[in-house]
């Protein structure tokens, strides 16, 4: 069973930085892509950033230039470096991993709270 464990969330002032980590129970090379999503209570979960097994990255327009997704295959960990944080970045951040064989299978972490104060 795949397990994804997030860490690194917390409370930070606007303009500050945080780095989220997502540690997988097995090799992240087994996933076609990994990413970070966020969700505010009462709203839909939205994609923040994603990285493929080949290293290609994509970002939501709202975080481009401020957030960076990266992966360390040796540590089976994906990171989200968040700089210049804004109050509107406040959300629960979830790690996601996708396998695309016989359809798409999504795996999720438990989420980590990020709160940005103004």
N, C-alpha and C. Protein backbone atom coordinates (compact mmCIF):
# COMPACT_ATOMS: atom_id res chain seq x y z
N UNK A 1 0.84 -1.18 0.00
CA UNK A 1 0.00 0.00 0.00
C UNK A 1 0.88 1.25 0.00
N UNK A 2 0.59 2.17 -0.91
CA UNK A 2 1.36 3.40 -1.01
C UNK A 2 0.99 4.34 0.13
N UNK A 3 2.00 4.89 0.76
CA UNK A 3 1.78 5.91 1.78
C UNK A 3 2.56 7.16 1.44
N UNK A 4 1.88 8.28 1.56
CA UNK A 4 2.51 9.58 1.34
C UNK A 4 2.37 10.37 2.63
N UNK A 5 3.47 10.88 3.14
CA UNK A 5 3.46 11.60 4.41
C UNK A 5 4.01 13.00 4.19
N UNK A 6 3.14 14.00 4.42
CA UNK A 6 3.55 15.39 4.26
C UNK A 6 4.09 15.94 5.58
N UNK A 7 4.95 16.91 5.46
CA UNK A 7 5.45 17.65 6.62
C UNK A 7 5.90 19.02 6.16
N UNK A 8 6.08 19.92 7.14
CA UNK A 8 6.61 21.23 6.82
C UNK A 8 5.62 22.36 6.86
N UNK A 9 4.35 22.06 7.07
CA UNK A 9 3.36 23.13 7.16
C UNK A 9 3.51 23.91 8.44
N UNK A 10 2.77 25.00 8.54
CA UNK A 10 2.82 25.80 9.75
C UNK A 10 2.27 27.18 9.53
N UNK A 11 2.57 28.06 10.48
CA UNK A 11 2.12 29.45 10.45
C UNK A 11 3.30 30.34 10.06
N UNK A 12 3.07 31.21 9.10
CA UNK A 12 4.12 32.11 8.64
C UNK A 12 3.51 33.45 8.30
N UNK A 13 4.29 34.51 8.43
CA UNK A 13 3.80 35.83 8.06
C UNK A 13 3.87 36.02 6.55
N UNK A 14 3.03 36.89 6.05
CA UNK A 14 3.05 37.21 4.63
C UNK A 14 4.45 37.65 4.21
N UNK A 15 4.88 37.14 3.06
CA UNK A 15 6.23 37.42 2.58
C UNK A 15 7.25 36.38 2.99
N UNK A 16 6.85 35.50 3.90
CA UNK A 16 7.76 34.47 4.38
C UNK A 16 7.80 33.25 3.48
N UNK A 17 8.53 32.24 3.96
CA UNK A 17 8.73 31.02 3.17
C UNK A 17 8.49 29.79 4.02
N UNK A 18 8.10 28.73 3.33
CA UNK A 18 7.97 27.41 3.94
C UNK A 18 8.39 26.38 2.89
N UNK A 19 8.87 25.23 3.37
CA UNK A 19 9.15 24.13 2.46
C UNK A 19 8.38 22.91 2.92
N UNK A 20 7.53 22.42 2.04
CA UNK A 20 6.77 21.20 2.33
C UNK A 20 7.53 20.00 1.78
N UNK A 21 7.42 18.90 2.50
CA UNK A 21 8.02 17.65 2.05
C UNK A 21 6.96 16.56 1.97
N UNK A 22 7.12 15.68 1.02
CA UNK A 22 6.22 14.53 0.88
C UNK A 22 7.09 13.30 0.71
N UNK A 23 7.09 12.46 1.74
CA UNK A 23 7.88 11.25 1.71
C UNK A 23 7.00 10.06 1.33
N UNK A 24 7.43 9.31 0.32
CA UNK A 24 6.67 8.15 -0.13
C UNK A 24 7.23 6.88 0.50
N UNK A 25 6.34 5.91 0.66
CA UNK A 25 6.75 4.64 1.29
C UNK A 25 7.58 3.77 0.35
N UNK A 26 7.52 4.06 -0.93
CA UNK A 26 8.31 3.30 -1.89
C UNK A 26 8.97 4.22 -2.88
N UNK A 27 9.49 3.66 -3.93
CA UNK A 27 10.19 4.48 -4.92
C UNK A 27 9.24 5.41 -5.65
N UNK A 28 9.59 6.71 -5.68
CA UNK A 28 8.73 7.64 -6.39
C UNK A 28 8.90 7.51 -7.90
N UNK A 29 9.90 6.77 -8.33
CA UNK A 29 10.06 6.53 -9.75
C UNK A 29 8.95 5.63 -10.30
N UNK A 30 8.21 4.98 -9.40
CA UNK A 30 7.09 4.14 -9.83
C UNK A 30 5.87 4.96 -10.22
N UNK A 31 5.90 6.26 -9.90
CA UNK A 31 4.77 7.14 -10.22
C UNK A 31 5.05 7.91 -11.51
N UNK A 32 4.04 8.10 -12.31
CA UNK A 32 4.19 8.88 -13.53
C UNK A 32 4.33 10.37 -13.24
N UNK A 33 3.69 10.79 -12.16
CA UNK A 33 3.78 12.20 -11.77
C UNK A 33 3.46 12.32 -10.29
N UNK A 34 4.00 13.37 -9.70
CA UNK A 34 3.66 13.72 -8.32
C UNK A 34 3.37 15.21 -8.28
N UNK A 35 2.58 15.59 -7.28
CA UNK A 35 2.22 17.00 -7.23
C UNK A 35 1.69 17.41 -5.88
N UNK A 36 1.42 18.68 -5.80
CA UNK A 36 0.84 19.28 -4.60
C UNK A 36 -0.48 19.94 -4.97
N UNK A 37 -1.48 19.70 -4.15
CA UNK A 37 -2.78 20.32 -4.28
C UNK A 37 -3.06 21.07 -2.98
N UNK A 38 -4.02 21.97 -3.03
CA UNK A 38 -4.44 22.64 -1.80
C UNK A 38 -5.95 22.80 -1.79
N UNK A 39 -6.47 22.89 -0.59
CA UNK A 39 -7.91 23.01 -0.43
C UNK A 39 -8.24 23.90 0.74
N UNK A 40 -9.15 24.83 0.47
CA UNK A 40 -9.71 25.69 1.49
C UNK A 40 -11.08 25.15 1.83
N UNK A 41 -11.43 25.18 3.10
CA UNK A 41 -12.71 24.65 3.54
C UNK A 41 -13.85 25.23 2.72
N UNK A 42 -14.66 24.35 2.17
CA UNK A 42 -15.80 24.79 1.39
C UNK A 42 -15.52 25.00 -0.08
N UNK A 43 -14.26 24.82 -0.49
CA UNK A 43 -13.89 25.00 -1.88
C UNK A 43 -13.30 23.70 -2.43
N UNK A 44 -13.22 23.64 -3.76
CA UNK A 44 -12.65 22.46 -4.39
C UNK A 44 -11.14 22.42 -4.22
N UNK A 45 -10.63 21.20 -4.19
CA UNK A 45 -9.19 21.02 -4.15
C UNK A 45 -8.61 21.45 -5.50
N UNK A 46 -7.52 22.21 -5.47
CA UNK A 46 -6.92 22.69 -6.71
C UNK A 46 -5.45 22.30 -6.78
N UNK A 47 -4.99 22.08 -8.00
CA UNK A 47 -3.59 21.73 -8.19
C UNK A 47 -2.73 22.97 -8.04
N UNK A 48 -1.61 22.80 -7.37
CA UNK A 48 -0.67 23.90 -7.15
C UNK A 48 0.55 23.71 -8.05
N UNK A 49 1.11 22.52 -8.04
CA UNK A 49 2.31 22.24 -8.82
C UNK A 49 2.42 20.75 -9.06
N UNK A 50 3.07 20.37 -10.14
CA UNK A 50 3.24 18.96 -10.46
C UNK A 50 4.59 18.74 -11.12
N UNK A 51 5.11 17.54 -10.95
CA UNK A 51 6.39 17.17 -11.57
C UNK A 51 6.28 15.74 -12.08
N UNK A 52 6.70 15.53 -13.32
CA UNK A 52 6.62 14.19 -13.90
C UNK A 52 7.86 13.38 -13.53
N UNK A 53 7.80 12.10 -13.86
CA UNK A 53 8.95 11.24 -13.59
C UNK A 53 10.17 11.68 -14.39
N UNK A 54 9.92 12.39 -15.50
CA UNK A 54 11.02 12.89 -16.31
C UNK A 54 11.54 14.25 -15.85
N UNK A 55 10.86 14.83 -14.86
CA UNK A 55 11.33 16.10 -14.31
C UNK A 55 10.63 17.34 -14.84
N UNK A 56 9.68 17.19 -15.74
CA UNK A 56 8.93 18.35 -16.23
C UNK A 56 8.01 18.86 -15.13
N UNK A 57 7.88 20.18 -15.07
CA UNK A 57 7.08 20.78 -14.01
C UNK A 57 5.98 21.67 -14.57
N UNK A 58 4.92 21.81 -13.80
CA UNK A 58 3.82 22.72 -14.13
C UNK A 58 3.34 23.38 -12.86
N UNK A 59 2.87 24.61 -12.99
CA UNK A 59 2.43 25.37 -11.83
C UNK A 59 1.10 26.06 -12.12
N UNK A 60 0.32 26.23 -11.08
CA UNK A 60 -0.86 27.08 -11.18
C UNK A 60 -0.40 28.52 -11.39
N UNK A 61 -1.17 29.28 -12.15
CA UNK A 61 -0.78 30.66 -12.44
C UNK A 61 -0.59 31.46 -11.15
N UNK A 62 -1.37 31.15 -10.14
CA UNK A 62 -1.33 31.93 -8.89
C UNK A 62 -0.03 31.76 -8.11
N UNK A 63 0.74 30.72 -8.44
CA UNK A 63 1.97 30.48 -7.67
C UNK A 63 3.24 30.55 -8.52
N UNK A 64 3.08 30.76 -9.81
CA UNK A 64 4.25 30.83 -10.70
C UNK A 64 5.20 31.92 -10.24
N UNK A 65 6.47 31.59 -10.22
CA UNK A 65 7.48 32.55 -9.80
C UNK A 65 7.69 32.60 -8.29
N UNK A 66 6.79 31.97 -7.54
CA UNK A 66 6.92 31.98 -6.07
C UNK A 66 7.17 30.59 -5.50
N UNK A 67 6.57 29.57 -6.11
CA UNK A 67 6.69 28.19 -5.62
C UNK A 67 7.56 27.38 -6.57
N UNK A 68 8.28 26.42 -6.01
CA UNK A 68 9.10 25.52 -6.81
C UNK A 68 8.91 24.09 -6.33
N UNK A 69 8.57 23.21 -7.25
CA UNK A 69 8.44 21.80 -6.92
C UNK A 69 9.71 21.09 -7.37
N UNK A 70 10.16 20.14 -6.55
CA UNK A 70 11.36 19.38 -6.89
C UNK A 70 11.23 17.98 -6.31
N UNK A 71 12.12 17.11 -6.74
CA UNK A 71 12.07 15.73 -6.26
C UNK A 71 13.48 15.22 -5.99
N UNK A 72 13.59 14.36 -5.00
CA UNK A 72 14.84 13.68 -4.69
C UNK A 72 14.54 12.19 -4.77
N UNK A 73 14.89 11.59 -5.90
CA UNK A 73 14.55 10.19 -6.12
C UNK A 73 15.23 9.27 -5.11
N UNK A 74 16.42 9.63 -4.68
CA UNK A 74 17.15 8.78 -3.73
C UNK A 74 16.45 8.75 -2.37
N UNK A 75 15.78 9.86 -2.03
CA UNK A 75 15.09 9.95 -0.74
C UNK A 75 13.59 9.67 -0.87
N UNK A 76 13.15 9.39 -2.11
CA UNK A 76 11.71 9.14 -2.36
C UNK A 76 10.86 10.27 -1.80
N UNK A 77 11.29 11.49 -2.05
CA UNK A 77 10.65 12.66 -1.48
C UNK A 77 10.45 13.73 -2.54
N UNK A 78 9.31 14.38 -2.46
CA UNK A 78 9.00 15.53 -3.30
C UNK A 78 8.85 16.75 -2.40
N UNK A 79 9.33 17.87 -2.88
CA UNK A 79 9.32 19.09 -2.08
C UNK A 79 8.50 20.18 -2.77
N UNK A 80 8.00 21.09 -1.97
CA UNK A 80 7.39 22.31 -2.50
C UNK A 80 7.97 23.47 -1.72
N UNK A 81 8.85 24.21 -2.37
CA UNK A 81 9.41 25.42 -1.76
C UNK A 81 8.47 26.58 -2.05
N UNK A 82 7.98 27.21 -1.01
CA UNK A 82 7.01 28.30 -1.15
C UNK A 82 7.62 29.58 -0.63
N UNK A 83 7.82 30.54 -1.51
CA UNK A 83 8.38 31.84 -1.14
C UNK A 83 7.35 32.93 -1.36
N UNK A 84 7.60 34.07 -0.79
CA UNK A 84 6.71 35.23 -0.93
C UNK A 84 5.26 34.84 -0.67
N UNK A 85 5.05 34.17 0.41
CA UNK A 85 3.71 33.66 0.72
C UNK A 85 2.73 34.79 0.97
N UNK A 86 1.50 34.54 0.56
CA UNK A 86 0.40 35.50 0.69
C UNK A 86 -0.70 34.88 1.55
N UNK A 87 -1.52 35.72 2.17
CA UNK A 87 -2.63 35.16 2.96
C UNK A 87 -3.53 34.22 2.14
N UNK A 88 -3.67 34.51 0.86
CA UNK A 88 -4.52 33.65 0.03
C UNK A 88 -3.90 32.28 -0.26
N UNK A 89 -2.68 32.07 0.15
CA UNK A 89 -2.07 30.74 0.05
C UNK A 89 -2.47 29.84 1.22
N UNK A 90 -3.17 30.41 2.18
CA UNK A 90 -3.61 29.63 3.34
C UNK A 90 -4.55 28.51 2.89
N UNK A 91 -4.22 27.28 3.27
CA UNK A 91 -4.99 26.11 2.86
C UNK A 91 -4.38 24.86 3.49
N UNK A 92 -5.07 23.75 3.32
CA UNK A 92 -4.46 22.45 3.61
C UNK A 92 -3.82 21.97 2.31
N UNK A 93 -2.56 21.63 2.40
CA UNK A 93 -1.81 21.19 1.22
C UNK A 93 -1.67 19.67 1.24
N UNK A 94 -2.00 19.08 0.10
CA UNK A 94 -1.98 17.62 -0.03
C UNK A 94 -0.96 17.19 -1.07
N UNK A 95 -0.24 16.15 -0.75
CA UNK A 95 0.66 15.52 -1.72
C UNK A 95 -0.13 14.50 -2.54
N UNK A 96 0.16 14.44 -3.82
CA UNK A 96 -0.52 13.52 -4.72
C UNK A 96 0.50 12.76 -5.56
N UNK A 97 0.20 11.50 -5.80
CA UNK A 97 1.02 10.69 -6.70
C UNK A 97 0.09 9.97 -7.67
N UNK A 98 0.50 9.91 -8.93
CA UNK A 98 -0.34 9.29 -9.95
C UNK A 98 0.39 8.14 -10.65
N UNK A 99 -0.37 7.08 -10.85
CA UNK A 99 0.10 5.98 -11.70
C UNK A 99 -0.89 5.85 -12.85
N UNK A 100 -0.35 5.81 -14.07
CA UNK A 100 -1.23 5.75 -15.23
C UNK A 100 -1.06 4.44 -15.97
N UNK A 101 -1.50 3.38 -15.36
CA UNK A 101 -1.58 2.09 -16.05
C UNK A 101 -2.98 1.55 -15.81
N UNK A 102 -3.64 1.12 -16.87
CA UNK A 102 -5.04 0.70 -16.77
C UNK A 102 -5.88 1.79 -16.13
N UNK A 103 -5.72 3.00 -16.62
CA UNK A 103 -6.42 4.14 -16.05
C UNK A 103 -5.49 4.90 -15.11
N UNK A 104 -6.06 5.88 -14.42
CA UNK A 104 -5.26 6.71 -13.51
C UNK A 104 -5.60 6.34 -12.08
N UNK A 105 -4.58 6.05 -11.31
CA UNK A 105 -4.74 5.80 -9.88
C UNK A 105 -4.09 6.93 -9.12
N UNK A 106 -4.85 7.55 -8.23
CA UNK A 106 -4.35 8.65 -7.41
C UNK A 106 -4.12 8.19 -5.99
N UNK A 107 -3.01 8.63 -5.45
CA UNK A 107 -2.69 8.40 -4.04
C UNK A 107 -2.56 9.76 -3.37
N UNK A 108 -3.03 9.85 -2.12
CA UNK A 108 -3.03 11.13 -1.40
C UNK A 108 -2.40 11.00 -0.03
N UNK A 109 -1.75 12.06 0.38
CA UNK A 109 -1.29 12.16 1.74
C UNK A 109 -2.41 12.67 2.63
N UNK A 110 -2.11 12.84 3.91
CA UNK A 110 -3.13 13.24 4.88
C UNK A 110 -3.33 14.75 4.92
N UNK A 111 -2.42 15.49 4.33
CA UNK A 111 -2.53 16.94 4.29
C UNK A 111 -1.76 17.62 5.40
N UNK A 112 -1.30 18.82 5.10
CA UNK A 112 -0.61 19.64 6.10
C UNK A 112 -1.11 21.07 5.99
N UNK A 113 -1.39 21.69 7.12
CA UNK A 113 -1.97 23.03 7.14
C UNK A 113 -0.89 24.08 6.93
N UNK A 114 -1.16 25.00 6.03
CA UNK A 114 -0.32 26.18 5.84
C UNK A 114 -1.19 27.40 6.11
N UNK A 115 -0.76 28.23 7.04
CA UNK A 115 -1.49 29.44 7.38
C UNK A 115 -0.56 30.64 7.22
N UNK A 116 -0.98 31.60 6.41
CA UNK A 116 -0.19 32.80 6.16
C UNK A 116 -0.94 33.98 6.75
N UNK A 117 -0.33 34.62 7.73
CA UNK A 117 -0.97 35.76 8.38
C UNK A 117 -0.56 37.06 7.69
N UNK A 118 -1.49 38.01 7.71
CA UNK A 118 -1.22 39.31 7.04
C UNK A 118 -0.56 40.30 8.00
